């Protein structure tokens, strides 16, 4: 069974540079390249510029983004509107969507936001687990900050949504999350987040947060990072094998307290430590087959793989 996937979050842009590899060539490094993405039935993905903490980070990231897109050997189709998804599929290319993982590098006048949009920015997180002029992230090691969105952050959220940019609440701390929920006029996504009731990491979502995203008609992408999947391994630094049941438990829980329309895929490939039995994007069909054999229908998996996230893009893009 081939389930089409729109991956809501990959960090391949930076990984290619750090690992000295090219997207068009199959590699045993990292998690994603052209050949492995095709084997994994990935029809499109959100390519993150990370970390988006400074203007320099964002500009360098956009430069890398266009170099990747403009190389015909990479077989990428630049997605800027909903119709582009079918165009990418018809051209037998992988759809590529630009995402800012953290908005700290955007100036107070939002000039870089407008520039980003012209260059294809269609999804944005307000913070990457840090404190910036817009929002406060879920910090990894330090004590959590009790600070939500700033007034400028609220303005950024509204401006981005008016432009047709999907707002991503992954990496926000709890006060910033609830501020975003309160003021949003459109669906939100948590592009790569799991369930805090299963793995009590501050980067994961509480049940109330999951329900709030559902009530806003948004989606939550299953994050394959070991530290966000398993309570036992939430401080691990090395790859470990995790039974597919552990991954499935997060999907099960979201579906139990909301419905199948709330779950999506946001692997975090090329940006984190993933289970050794899902060592690359080409292994995704193994997980989908497991889900099919353990309670999920083919229609459920179509929603999980791509349809739910595509629905949110239809509701948030112009």
C-alpha atoms as a PDB file:
ATOM      1  CA  UNK A   1       0.000   0.000   0.000  1.00  0.00           C
ATOM      2  CA  UNK A   2       1.381   3.379  -1.055  1.00  0.00           C
ATOM      3  CA  UNK A   3       0.200   6.228   1.176  1.00  0.00           C
ATOM      4  CA  UNK A   4       1.122   9.669  -0.127  1.00  0.00           C
ATOM      5  CA  UNK A   5       2.862  11.814   2.485  1.00  0.00           C
ATOM      6  CA  UNK A   6       3.185  15.555   2.949  1.00  0.00           C
ATOM      7  CA  UNK A   7       5.883  15.821   5.598  1.00  0.00           C
ATOM      8  CA  UNK A   8       5.141  18.842   7.755  1.00  0.00           C
ATOM      9  CA  UNK A   9       8.720  19.326   8.921  1.00  0.00           C
ATOM     10  CA  UNK A  10      12.208  18.374   7.717  1.00  0.00           C
ATOM     11  CA  UNK A  11      15.548  20.045   8.476  1.00  0.00           C
ATOM     12  CA  UNK A  12      17.253  18.892   5.291  1.00  0.00           C
ATOM     13  CA  UNK A  13      18.422  22.349   4.178  1.00  0.00           C
ATOM     14  CA  UNK A  14      20.913  22.650   7.028  1.00  0.00           C
ATOM     15  CA  UNK A  15      21.750  18.935   7.127  1.00  0.00           C
ATOM     16  CA  UNK A  16      22.923  18.934   3.509  1.00  0.00           C
ATOM     17  CA  UNK A  17      25.466  21.624   4.332  1.00  0.00           C
ATOM     18  CA  UNK A  18      26.573  20.150   7.650  1.00  0.00           C
ATOM     19  CA  UNK A  19      26.940  16.619   6.287  1.00  0.00           C
ATOM     20  CA  UNK A  20      28.565  17.606   2.998  1.00  0.00           C
ATOM     21  CA  UNK A  21      26.062  15.810   0.793  1.00  0.00           C
ATOM     22  CA  UNK A  22      23.848  16.675  -2.162  1.00  0.00           C
ATOM     23  CA  UNK A  23      20.095  16.208  -2.304  1.00  0.00           C
ATOM     24  CA  UNK A  24      20.091  14.517  -5.714  1.00  0.00           C
ATOM     25  CA  UNK A  25      22.482  11.763  -4.633  1.00  0.00           C
ATOM     26  CA  UNK A  26      21.429   8.862  -2.433  1.00  0.00           C
ATOM     27  CA  UNK A  27      23.343   8.920   0.851  1.00  0.00           C
ATOM     28  CA  UNK A  28      23.724   6.851   3.986  1.00  0.00           C
ATOM     29  CA  UNK A  29      24.015  10.089   5.952  1.00  0.00           C
ATOM     30  CA  UNK A  30      21.039  11.908   7.407  1.00  0.00           C
ATOM     31  CA  UNK A  31      17.455  10.948   6.670  1.00  0.00           C
ATOM     32  CA  UNK A  32      16.283  12.625   3.453  1.00  0.00           C
ATOM     33  CA  UNK A  33      17.393  12.896  -0.146  1.00  0.00           C
ATOM     34  CA  UNK A  34      15.616  12.720  -3.491  1.00  0.00           C
ATOM     35  CA  UNK A  35      15.767   8.949  -3.829  1.00  0.00           C
ATOM     36  CA  UNK A  36      14.810   8.119  -0.255  1.00  0.00           C
ATOM     37  CA  UNK A  37      11.919  10.609  -0.310  1.00  0.00           C
ATOM     38  CA  UNK A  38      10.524   9.004  -3.451  1.00  0.00           C
ATOM     39  CA  UNK A  39      10.852   5.554  -1.881  1.00  0.00           C
ATOM     40  CA  UNK A  40       8.996   6.884   1.167  1.00  0.00           C
ATOM     41  CA  UNK A  41       6.117   8.142  -1.035  1.00  0.00           C
ATOM     42  CA  UNK A  42       6.719  11.733   0.058  1.00  0.00           C
ATOM     43  CA  UNK A  43       4.872  13.941  -2.410  1.00  0.00           C
ATOM     44  CA  UNK A  44       5.798  17.206  -0.670  1.00  0.00           C
ATOM     45  CA  UNK A  45       7.563  18.512   2.414  1.00  0.00           C
ATOM     46  CA  UNK A  46       8.054  21.688   4.397  1.00  0.00           C
ATOM     47  CA  UNK A  47      11.750  22.536   4.255  1.00  0.00           C
ATOM     48  CA  UNK A  48      12.660  24.431   7.415  1.00  0.00           C
ATOM     49  CA  UNK A  49      15.140  27.255   7.675  1.00  0.00           C
ATOM     50  CA  UNK A  50      16.587  26.526  11.094  1.00  0.00           C
ATOM     51  CA  UNK A  51      17.390  28.205  13.330  1.00  0.00           C
ATOM     52  CA  UNK A  52      15.474  31.318  12.314  1.00  0.00           C
ATOM     53  CA  UNK A  53      16.867  33.318  15.230  1.00  0.00           C
ATOM     54  CA  UNK A  54      18.750  36.012  13.291  1.00  0.00           C
ATOM     55  CA  UNK A  55      18.402  37.945  10.059  1.00  0.00           C
ATOM     56  CA  UNK A  56      21.628  36.318   8.863  1.00  0.00           C
ATOM     57  CA  UNK A  57      20.216  32.832   9.539  1.00  0.00           C
ATOM     58  CA  UNK A  58      17.103  33.559   7.509  1.00  0.00           C
ATOM     59  CA  UNK A  59      18.917  35.173   4.582  1.00  0.00           C
ATOM     60  CA  UNK A  60      21.497  32.384   4.402  1.00  0.00           C
ATOM     61  CA  UNK A  61      18.696  29.854   4.657  1.00  0.00           C
ATOM     62  CA  UNK A  62      16.763  31.420   1.791  1.00  0.00           C
ATOM     63  CA  UNK A  63      19.933  31.440  -0.298  1.00  0.00           C
ATOM     64  CA  UNK A  64      20.398  27.710   0.366  1.00  0.00           C
ATOM     65  CA  UNK A  65      16.714  27.159  -0.379  1.00  0.00           C
ATOM     66  CA  UNK A  66      16.950  28.698  -3.838  1.00  0.00           C
ATOM     67  CA  UNK A  67      20.145  26.875  -4.680  1.00  0.00           C
ATOM     68  CA  UNK A  68      18.333  23.642  -3.827  1.00  0.00           C
ATOM     69  CA  UNK A  69      15.252  24.541  -5.869  1.00  0.00           C
ATOM     70  CA  UNK A  70      17.122  25.818  -8.905  1.00  0.00           C
ATOM     71  CA  UNK A  71      19.189  22.671  -9.417  1.00  0.00           C
ATOM     72  CA  UNK A  72      17.148  20.573 -11.886  1.00  0.00           C
ATOM     73  CA  UNK A  73      18.849  17.386 -10.688  1.00  0.00           C
ATOM     74  CA  UNK A  74      17.001  17.758  -7.365  1.00  0.00           C
ATOM     75  CA  UNK A  75      13.593  17.312  -9.052  1.00  0.00           C
ATOM     76  CA  UNK A  76      11.840  19.696  -6.671  1.00  0.00           C
ATOM     77  CA  UNK A  77       8.710  21.687  -7.500  1.00  0.00           C
ATOM     78  CA  UNK A  78       8.374  25.034  -5.735  1.00  0.00           C
ATOM     79  CA  UNK A  79       4.951  25.051  -4.058  1.00  0.00           C
ATOM     80  CA  UNK A  80       3.421  28.483  -3.447  1.00  0.00           C
ATOM     81  CA  UNK A  81      -0.309  27.759  -3.785  1.00  0.00           C
ATOM     82  CA  UNK A  82      -2.713  24.844  -3.504  1.00  0.00           C
ATOM     83  CA  UNK A  83      -2.785  24.131  -7.242  1.00  0.00           C
ATOM     84  CA  UNK A  84       0.975  23.559  -7.139  1.00  0.00           C
ATOM     85  CA  UNK A  85       0.515  20.287  -5.237  1.00  0.00           C
ATOM     86  CA  UNK A  86      -1.160  18.637  -8.216  1.00  0.00           C
ATOM     87  CA  UNK A  87       1.328  20.263 -10.596  1.00  0.00           C
ATOM     88  CA  UNK A  88       4.200  18.802  -8.593  1.00  0.00           C
ATOM     89  CA  UNK A  89       2.607  15.366  -8.680  1.00  0.00           C
ATOM     90  CA  UNK A  90       1.917  15.565 -12.421  1.00  0.00           C
ATOM     91  CA  UNK A  91       5.521  16.582 -13.061  1.00  0.00           C
ATOM     92  CA  UNK A  92       6.715  13.627 -10.948  1.00  0.00           C
ATOM     93  CA  UNK A  93       8.657  16.012  -8.740  1.00  0.00           C
ATOM     94  CA  UNK A  94       8.628  16.441  -4.968  1.00  0.00           C
ATOM     95  CA  UNK A  95       6.786  19.517  -3.794  1.00  0.00           C
ATOM     96  CA  UNK A  96       8.888  21.890  -1.688  1.00  0.00           C
ATOM     97  CA  UNK A  97       7.395  24.449   0.718  1.00  0.00           C
ATOM     98  CA  UNK A  98       9.464  27.039   2.583  1.00  0.00           C
ATOM     99  CA  UNK A  99       9.112  27.204   6.389  1.00  0.00           C
ATOM    100  CA  UNK A 100      10.743  29.524   8.943  1.00  0.00           C
ATOM    101  CA  UNK A 101      11.503  27.536  12.108  1.00  0.00           C
ATOM    102  CA  UNK A 102      11.548  30.546  14.393  1.00  0.00           C
ATOM    103  CA  UNK A 103      10.790  34.151  13.513  1.00  0.00           C
ATOM    104  CA  UNK A 104      13.401  35.877  15.665  1.00  0.00           C
ATOM    105  CA  UNK A 105      15.347  37.053  12.619  1.00  0.00           C
ATOM    106  CA  UNK A 106      12.384  38.969  11.200  1.00  0.00           C
ATOM    107  CA  UNK A 107      12.684  42.740  11.660  1.00  0.00           C
ATOM    108  CA  UNK A 108      10.142  44.826  13.571  1.00  0.00           C
ATOM    109  CA  UNK A 109       8.797  46.284  10.322  1.00  0.00           C
ATOM    110  CA  UNK A 110       8.231  42.781   8.877  1.00  0.00           C
ATOM    111  CA  UNK A 111      10.195  43.551   5.706  1.00  0.00           C
ATOM    112  CA  UNK A 112      11.882  40.149   5.877  1.00  0.00           C
ATOM    113  CA  UNK A 113       8.476  38.517   6.329  1.00  0.00           C
ATOM    114  CA  UNK A 114       7.236  40.142   3.125  1.00  0.00           C
ATOM    115  CA  UNK A 115      10.421  39.174   1.305  1.00  0.00           C
ATOM    116  CA  UNK A 116      10.091  35.620   2.587  1.00  0.00           C
ATOM    117  CA  UNK A 117       6.535  35.421   1.297  1.00  0.00           C
ATOM    118  CA  UNK A 118       7.608  36.542  -2.159  1.00  0.00           C
ATOM    119  CA  UNK A 119      10.235  33.785  -2.097  1.00  0.00           C
ATOM    120  CA  UNK A 120       7.678  31.135  -1.150  1.00  0.00           C
ATOM    121  CA  UNK A 121       7.345  31.297   2.644  1.00  0.00           C
ATOM    122  CA  UNK A 122       4.049  29.594   3.472  1.00  0.00           C
ATOM    123  CA  UNK A 123       4.573  28.339   7.036  1.00  0.00           C
ATOM    124  CA  UNK A 124       6.188  29.937  10.075  1.00  0.00           C
ATOM    125  CA  UNK A 125       6.882  29.203  13.723  1.00  0.00           C
ATOM    126  CA  UNK A 126       7.060  32.258  15.973  1.00  0.00           C
ATOM    127  CA  UNK A 127       9.905  30.891  18.103  1.00  0.00           C
ATOM    128  CA  UNK A 128      12.338  28.009  18.092  1.00  0.00           C
ATOM    129  CA  UNK A 129      12.537  27.095  21.804  1.00  0.00           C
ATOM    130  CA  UNK A 130      14.033  30.465  22.678  1.00  0.00           C
ATOM    131  CA  UNK A 131      12.951  33.910  23.810  1.00  0.00           C
ATOM    132  CA  UNK A 132      12.660  36.522  21.062  1.00  0.00           C
ATOM    133  CA  UNK A 133      10.845  39.792  20.438  1.00  0.00           C
ATOM    134  CA  UNK A 134       7.713  37.974  19.280  1.00  0.00           C
ATOM    135  CA  UNK A 135       7.235  34.920  21.492  1.00  0.00           C
ATOM    136  CA  UNK A 136       8.726  32.556  24.035  1.00  0.00           C
ATOM    137  CA  UNK A 137       9.620  28.998  23.156  1.00  0.00           C
ATOM    138  CA  UNK A 138       9.498  25.793  25.165  1.00  0.00           C
ATOM    139  CA  UNK A 139      13.022  25.803  26.552  1.00  0.00           C
ATOM    140  CA  UNK A 140      14.946  22.534  26.617  1.00  0.00           C
ATOM    141  CA  UNK A 141      17.190  22.704  29.673  1.00  0.00           C
ATOM    142  CA  UNK A 142      16.410  25.965  31.455  1.00  0.00           C
ATOM    143  CA  UNK A 143      13.490  26.772  33.716  1.00  0.00           C
ATOM    144  CA  UNK A 144      10.468  27.697  31.633  1.00  0.00           C
ATOM    145  CA  UNK A 145       9.711  31.379  31.068  1.00  0.00           C
ATOM    146  CA  UNK A 146       6.224  32.553  32.054  1.00  0.00           C
ATOM    147  CA  UNK A 147       5.896  34.888  29.067  1.00  0.00           C
ATOM    148  CA  UNK A 148       3.560  34.661  26.108  1.00  0.00           C
ATOM    149  CA  UNK A 149       3.301  36.506  22.818  1.00  0.00           C
ATOM    150  CA  UNK A 150       4.389  40.118  22.852  1.00  0.00           C
ATOM    151  CA  UNK A 151       2.222  42.774  21.221  1.00  0.00           C
ATOM    152  CA  UNK A 152       4.617  42.660  18.276  1.00  0.00           C
ATOM    153  CA  UNK A 153       4.256  38.876  18.213  1.00  0.00           C
ATOM    154  CA  UNK A 154       0.477  39.155  18.031  1.00  0.00           C
ATOM    155  CA  UNK A 155       0.874  41.620  15.176  1.00  0.00           C
ATOM    156  CA  UNK A 156       3.238  39.200  13.415  1.00  0.00           C
ATOM    157  CA  UNK A 157       0.720  36.367  13.748  1.00  0.00           C
ATOM    158  CA  UNK A 158      -2.103  38.471  12.301  1.00  0.00           C
ATOM    159  CA  UNK A 159       0.078  39.872   9.519  1.00  0.00           C
ATOM    160  CA  UNK A 160       1.326  36.437   8.550  1.00  0.00           C
ATOM    161  CA  UNK A 161      -2.179  35.007   8.452  1.00  0.00           C
ATOM    162  CA  UNK A 162      -3.457  37.902   6.322  1.00  0.00           C
ATOM    163  CA  UNK A 163      -0.633  37.245   3.862  1.00  0.00           C
ATOM    164  CA  UNK A 164      -1.508  33.554   3.630  1.00  0.00           C
ATOM    165  CA  UNK A 165       1.165  32.036   5.863  1.00  0.00           C
ATOM    166  CA  UNK A 166       0.252  29.056   8.058  1.00  0.00           C
ATOM    167  CA  UNK A 167       1.204  29.622  11.705  1.00  0.00           C
ATOM    168  CA  UNK A 168       3.015  26.763  13.452  1.00  0.00           C
ATOM    169  CA  UNK A 169       2.798  26.500  17.255  1.00  0.00           C
ATOM    170  CA  UNK A 170       5.417  23.758  17.689  1.00  0.00           C
ATOM    171  CA  UNK A 171       8.248  24.964  19.950  1.00  0.00           C
ATOM    172  CA  UNK A 172       6.083  27.594  21.704  1.00  0.00           C
ATOM    173  CA  UNK A 173       5.836  27.571  25.479  1.00  0.00           C
ATOM    174  CA  UNK A 174       2.411  27.180  27.045  1.00  0.00           C
ATOM    175  CA  UNK A 175       1.596  30.911  27.526  1.00  0.00           C
ATOM    176  CA  UNK A 176       2.610  31.727  23.931  1.00  0.00           C
ATOM    177  CA  UNK A 177       0.568  28.781  22.669  1.00  0.00           C
ATOM    178  CA  UNK A 178      -2.570  29.937  24.448  1.00  0.00           C
ATOM    179  CA  UNK A 179      -2.101  33.513  23.249  1.00  0.00           C
ATOM    180  CA  UNK A 180      -1.900  32.200  19.680  1.00  0.00           C
ATOM    181  CA  UNK A 181      -5.037  30.101  20.158  1.00  0.00           C
ATOM    182  CA  UNK A 182      -6.928  33.056  21.613  1.00  0.00           C
ATOM    183  CA  UNK A 183      -6.179  35.504  18.820  1.00  0.00           C
ATOM    184  CA  UNK A 184      -5.919  33.296  15.729  1.00  0.00           C
ATOM    185  CA  UNK A 185      -8.424  33.835  12.955  1.00  0.00           C
ATOM    186  CA  UNK A 186      -7.470  30.707  11.030  1.00  0.00           C
ATOM    187  CA  UNK A 187      -6.452  27.095  11.738  1.00  0.00           C
ATOM    188  CA  UNK A 188      -3.042  26.530  13.325  1.00  0.00           C
ATOM    189  CA  UNK A 189      -0.665  23.606  13.001  1.00  0.00           C
ATOM    190  CA  UNK A 190       1.734  22.010  15.433  1.00  0.00           C
ATOM    191  CA  UNK A 191       3.935  20.776  12.615  1.00  0.00           C
ATOM    192  CA  UNK A 192       6.058  18.382  14.686  1.00  0.00           C
ATOM    193  CA  UNK A 193       4.736  17.760  18.207  1.00  0.00           C
ATOM    194  CA  UNK A 194       3.578  14.771  20.257  1.00  0.00           C
ATOM    195  CA  UNK A 195       1.490  14.069  23.377  1.00  0.00           C
ATOM    196  CA  UNK A 196       2.739  15.288  26.746  1.00  0.00           C
ATOM    197  CA  UNK A 197       0.504  12.779  28.542  1.00  0.00           C
ATOM    198  CA  UNK A 198       2.603   9.985  26.985  1.00  0.00           C
ATOM    199  CA  UNK A 199       6.030  11.652  27.050  1.00  0.00           C
ATOM    200  CA  UNK A 200       6.222  14.507  29.556  1.00  0.00           C
ATOM    201  CA  UNK A 201       8.542  16.769  27.590  1.00  0.00           C
ATOM    202  CA  UNK A 202       7.690  20.483  27.535  1.00  0.00           C
ATOM    203  CA  UNK A 203       7.944  20.398  23.723  1.00  0.00           C
ATOM    204  CA  UNK A 204       4.936  18.102  23.601  1.00  0.00           C
ATOM    205  CA  UNK A 205       1.293  19.137  23.795  1.00  0.00           C
ATOM    206  CA  UNK A 206      -1.098  18.751  26.717  1.00  0.00           C
ATOM    207  CA  UNK A 207      -4.514  17.221  26.118  1.00  0.00           C
ATOM    208  CA  UNK A 208      -6.107  20.671  26.412  1.00  0.00           C
ATOM    209  CA  UNK A 209      -3.734  22.006  23.761  1.00  0.00           C
ATOM    210  CA  UNK A 210      -4.491  19.092  21.439  1.00  0.00           C
ATOM    211  CA  UNK A 211      -8.220  19.724  21.808  1.00  0.00           C
ATOM    212  CA  UNK A 212      -7.706  23.459  21.215  1.00  0.00           C
ATOM    213  CA  UNK A 213      -5.891  22.796  17.927  1.00  0.00           C
ATOM    214  CA  UNK A 214      -8.699  20.427  16.928  1.00  0.00           C
ATOM    215  CA  UNK A 215     -11.319  23.064  17.733  1.00  0.00           C
ATOM    216  CA  UNK A 216      -9.465  25.492  15.461  1.00  0.00           C
ATOM    217  CA  UNK A 217      -9.561  22.818  12.711  1.00  0.00           C
ATOM    218  CA  UNK A 218      -5.776  22.495  12.749  1.00  0.00           C
ATOM    219  CA  UNK A 219      -3.426  19.524  12.673  1.00  0.00           C
ATOM    220  CA  UNK A 220      -0.657  17.976  14.772  1.00  0.00           C
ATOM    221  CA  UNK A 221       2.248  16.289  13.000  1.00  0.00           C
ATOM    222  CA  UNK A 222       3.742  13.162  14.583  1.00  0.00           C
ATOM    223  CA  UNK A 223       7.353  13.973  15.498  1.00  0.00           C
ATOM    224  CA  UNK A 224       9.755  11.032  15.166  1.00  0.00           C
ATOM    225  CA  UNK A 225      12.319  12.455  17.589  1.00  0.00           C
ATOM    226  CA  UNK A 226      13.086   9.808  20.214  1.00  0.00           C
ATOM    227  CA  UNK A 227      13.127  12.349  23.037  1.00  0.00           C
ATOM    228  CA  UNK A 228       9.536  13.405  22.270  1.00  0.00           C
ATOM    229  CA  UNK A 229       8.180   9.882  21.790  1.00  0.00           C
ATOM    230  CA  UNK A 230       9.239   7.921  24.844  1.00  0.00           C
ATOM    231  CA  UNK A 231       9.267   8.868  28.523  1.00  0.00           C
ATOM    232  CA  UNK A 232      12.081   6.390  29.015  1.00  0.00           C
ATOM    233  CA  UNK A 233      14.250   8.003  26.352  1.00  0.00           C
ATOM    234  CA  UNK A 234      13.363  11.704  26.641  1.00  0.00           C
ATOM    235  CA  UNK A 235      16.937  12.587  27.611  1.00  0.00           C
ATOM    236  CA  UNK A 236      18.722  10.194  25.288  1.00  0.00           C
ATOM    237  CA  UNK A 237      21.409  11.417  22.893  1.00  0.00           C
ATOM    238  CA  UNK A 238      21.941   8.187  20.974  1.00  0.00           C
ATOM    239  CA  UNK A 239      19.754   6.307  18.471  1.00  0.00           C
ATOM    240  CA  UNK A 240      17.572   3.576  19.962  1.00  0.00           C
ATOM    241  CA  UNK A 241      14.985   1.223  18.544  1.00  0.00           C
ATOM    242  CA  UNK A 242      11.396   2.024  19.498  1.00  0.00           C
ATOM    243  CA  UNK A 243       8.528  -0.350  18.755  1.00  0.00           C
ATOM    244  CA  UNK A 244       6.066   1.110  16.269  1.00  0.00           C
ATOM    245  CA  UNK A 245       3.482   0.763  19.043  1.00  0.00           C
ATOM    246  CA  UNK A 246       5.174   3.682  20.839  1.00  0.00           C
ATOM    247  CA  UNK A 247       4.757   5.917  17.790  1.00  0.00           C
ATOM    248  CA  UNK A 248       1.224   4.671  17.237  1.00  0.00           C
ATOM    249  CA  UNK A 249       0.292   5.468  20.848  1.00  0.00           C
ATOM    250  CA  UNK A 250       0.632   9.204  20.157  1.00  0.00           C
ATOM    251  CA  UNK A 251      -1.619   8.949  17.101  1.00  0.00           C
ATOM    252  CA  UNK A 252      -4.082   6.806  19.067  1.00  0.00           C
ATOM    253  CA  UNK A 253      -4.272   9.363  21.850  1.00  0.00           C
ATOM    254  CA  UNK A 254      -4.839  12.336  19.562  1.00  0.00           C
ATOM    255  CA  UNK A 255      -7.548  10.428  17.689  1.00  0.00           C
ATOM    256  CA  UNK A 256      -9.151   9.315  20.971  1.00  0.00           C
ATOM    257  CA  UNK A 257      -9.548  12.826  22.377  1.00  0.00           C
ATOM    258  CA  UNK A 258     -10.274  14.506  19.013  1.00  0.00           C
ATOM    259  CA  UNK A 259     -10.559  12.551  15.742  1.00  0.00           C
ATOM    260  CA  UNK A 260      -8.560  11.298  12.768  1.00  0.00           C
ATOM    261  CA  UNK A 261      -8.794  14.727  11.102  1.00  0.00           C
ATOM    262  CA  UNK A 262      -6.374  16.234  13.638  1.00  0.00           C
ATOM    263  CA  UNK A 263      -3.301  14.065  13.021  1.00  0.00           C
ATOM    264  CA  UNK A 264      -0.606  14.521  10.381  1.00  0.00           C
ATOM    265  CA  UNK A 265       3.067  13.731   9.836  1.00  0.00           C
ATOM    266  CA  UNK A 266       5.936  16.063  10.794  1.00  0.00           C
ATOM    267  CA  UNK A 267       8.930  13.777  11.061  1.00  0.00           C
ATOM    268  CA  UNK A 268      11.685  16.263  12.005  1.00  0.00           C
ATOM    269  CA  UNK A 269      13.958  14.167   9.768  1.00  0.00           C
ATOM    270  CA  UNK A 270      17.495  15.508   9.350  1.00  0.00           C
ATOM    271  CA  UNK A 271      17.122  17.531  12.533  1.00  0.00           C
ATOM    272  CA  UNK A 272      16.947  15.032  15.369  1.00  0.00           C
ATOM    273  CA  UNK A 273      17.655  11.500  16.609  1.00  0.00           C
ATOM    274  CA  UNK A 274      14.988   9.137  15.301  1.00  0.00           C
ATOM    275  CA  UNK A 275      14.310   5.460  16.099  1.00  0.00           C
ATOM    276  CA  UNK A 276      16.758   3.113  14.402  1.00  0.00           C
ATOM    277  CA  UNK A 277      13.873   1.151  12.889  1.00  0.00           C
ATOM    278  CA  UNK A 278      12.786   4.338  11.063  1.00  0.00           C
ATOM    279  CA  UNK A 279      16.269   5.377  10.072  1.00  0.00           C
ATOM    280  CA  UNK A 280      15.241   7.359   7.004  1.00  0.00           C
ATOM    281  CA  UNK A 281      12.281   8.730   5.127  1.00  0.00           C
ATOM    282  CA  UNK A 282      12.339   5.645   2.899  1.00  0.00           C
ATOM    283  CA  UNK A 283      11.192   3.580   5.912  1.00  0.00           C
ATOM    284  CA  UNK A 284       7.886   5.449   6.324  1.00  0.00           C
ATOM    285  CA  UNK A 285       5.898   2.808   4.369  1.00  0.00           C
ATOM    286  CA  UNK A 286       6.863   0.255   7.026  1.00  0.00           C
ATOM    287  CA  UNK A 287       5.147   2.377   9.667  1.00  0.00           C
ATOM    288  CA  UNK A 288       2.062   2.986   7.540  1.00  0.00           C
ATOM    289  CA  UNK A 289       1.742  -0.737   6.870  1.00  0.00           C
ATOM    290  CA  UNK A 290       1.963  -1.343  10.617  1.00  0.00           C
ATOM    291  CA  UNK A 291      -0.855   1.143  11.204  1.00  0.00           C
ATOM    292  CA  UNK A 292      -2.962  -0.527   8.513  1.00  0.00           C
ATOM    293  CA  UNK A 293      -2.488  -3.888  10.216  1.00  0.00           C
ATOM    294  CA  UNK A 294      -3.323  -2.444  13.637  1.00  0.00           C
ATOM    295  CA  UNK A 295      -6.643  -0.686  13.474  1.00  0.00           C
ATOM    296  CA  UNK A 296      -6.380   2.093  10.896  1.00  0.00           C
ATOM    297  CA  UNK A 297      -8.127   2.040   7.540  1.00  0.00           C
ATOM    298  CA  UNK A 298      -6.624   3.125   4.241  1.00  0.00           C
ATOM    299  CA  UNK A 299      -8.825   6.239   4.339  1.00  0.00           C
ATOM    300  CA  UNK A 300      -7.537   7.034   7.842  1.00  0.00           C
ATOM    301  CA  UNK A 301      -3.970   6.792   6.592  1.00  0.00           C
ATOM    302  CA  UNK A 302      -4.661   9.025   3.598  1.00  0.00           C
ATOM    303  CA  UNK A 303      -5.846  11.698   6.027  1.00  0.00           C
ATOM    304  CA  UNK A 304      -2.853  11.177   8.295  1.00  0.00           C
ATOM    305  CA  UNK A 305      -0.375  11.115   5.433  1.00  0.00           C
ATOM    306  CA  UNK A 306      -1.431  14.198   3.505  1.00  0.00           C
ATOM    307  CA  UNK A 307      -5.108  15.118   3.370  1.00  0.00           C
ATOM    308  CA  UNK A 308      -5.404  16.735   6.798  1.00  0.00           C
ATOM    309  CA  UNK A 309      -2.413  19.010   6.311  1.00  0.00           C
ATOM    310  CA  UNK A 310      -3.523  19.886   2.787  1.00  0.00           C
ATOM    311  CA  UNK A 311      -6.920  20.878   4.197  1.00  0.00           C
ATOM    312  CA  UNK A 312      -5.260  23.335   6.586  1.00  0.00           C
ATOM    313  CA  UNK A 313      -3.208  24.832   3.761  1.00  0.00           C
ATOM    314  CA  UNK A 314      -6.414  25.332   1.768  1.00  0.00           C
ATOM    315  CA  UNK A 315      -7.895  27.160   4.758  1.00  0.00           C
ATOM    316  CA  UNK A 316      -4.856  29.347   5.482  1.00  0.00           C
ATOM    317  CA  UNK A 317      -3.149  30.119   2.179  1.00  0.00           C
ATOM    318  CA  UNK A 318      -4.386  32.806  -0.203  1.00  0.00           C
END
